[in-house]
Amino acid sequence: QVQLVESGGGLVQAGDSLTLSCAASRHTSSNGYHWGWFRQAPGKTREFVARIRYYDSTTFYRDSVEGRFTISRDNAKNSVSLQMNNLQPEDTALYFCAAAEARTSWSLLTSQSEYDYWGQGTQVTVSS
């Protein structure tokens, strides 16, 4: 069983930056993983934030974070990061990383149901 462990959350002020990291404890796929970040604010459903393709690092973001957040990966370490700049109070949420086996269609990876492994989440709180 692959376990994902997130780190890097915290309490910041509006306009600040944070970097979230996520590492896989065990690599079971010789083809690597697509990676995604999702978030869930209090009282809301979990939503897609960003994703990165395993073989060429193509990325895709939700509109509200485009230009502020950057997802990146380290294949050798089976890890992914989310650099978040100019954070706003509406970014406050529990952030989850997720990994999908390489066979998963890239176009489907906005949907959380397409991911095979999930971390426990790391809290990001942005004060105004």
Foldseek 3Di string as FASTA:
>chain_A
DKAKAKDWADEEAAQAKIKMKIFIPDDDAPQAWKKFKWWDDPPGDIFGAKIFADPPRDMDGDPVQVPFWDKDDDRVRRMIMIIGGRDDQVVWTWMKMFIAHNVQDPVPVRDPVRTDYIYPTDTHGYHD
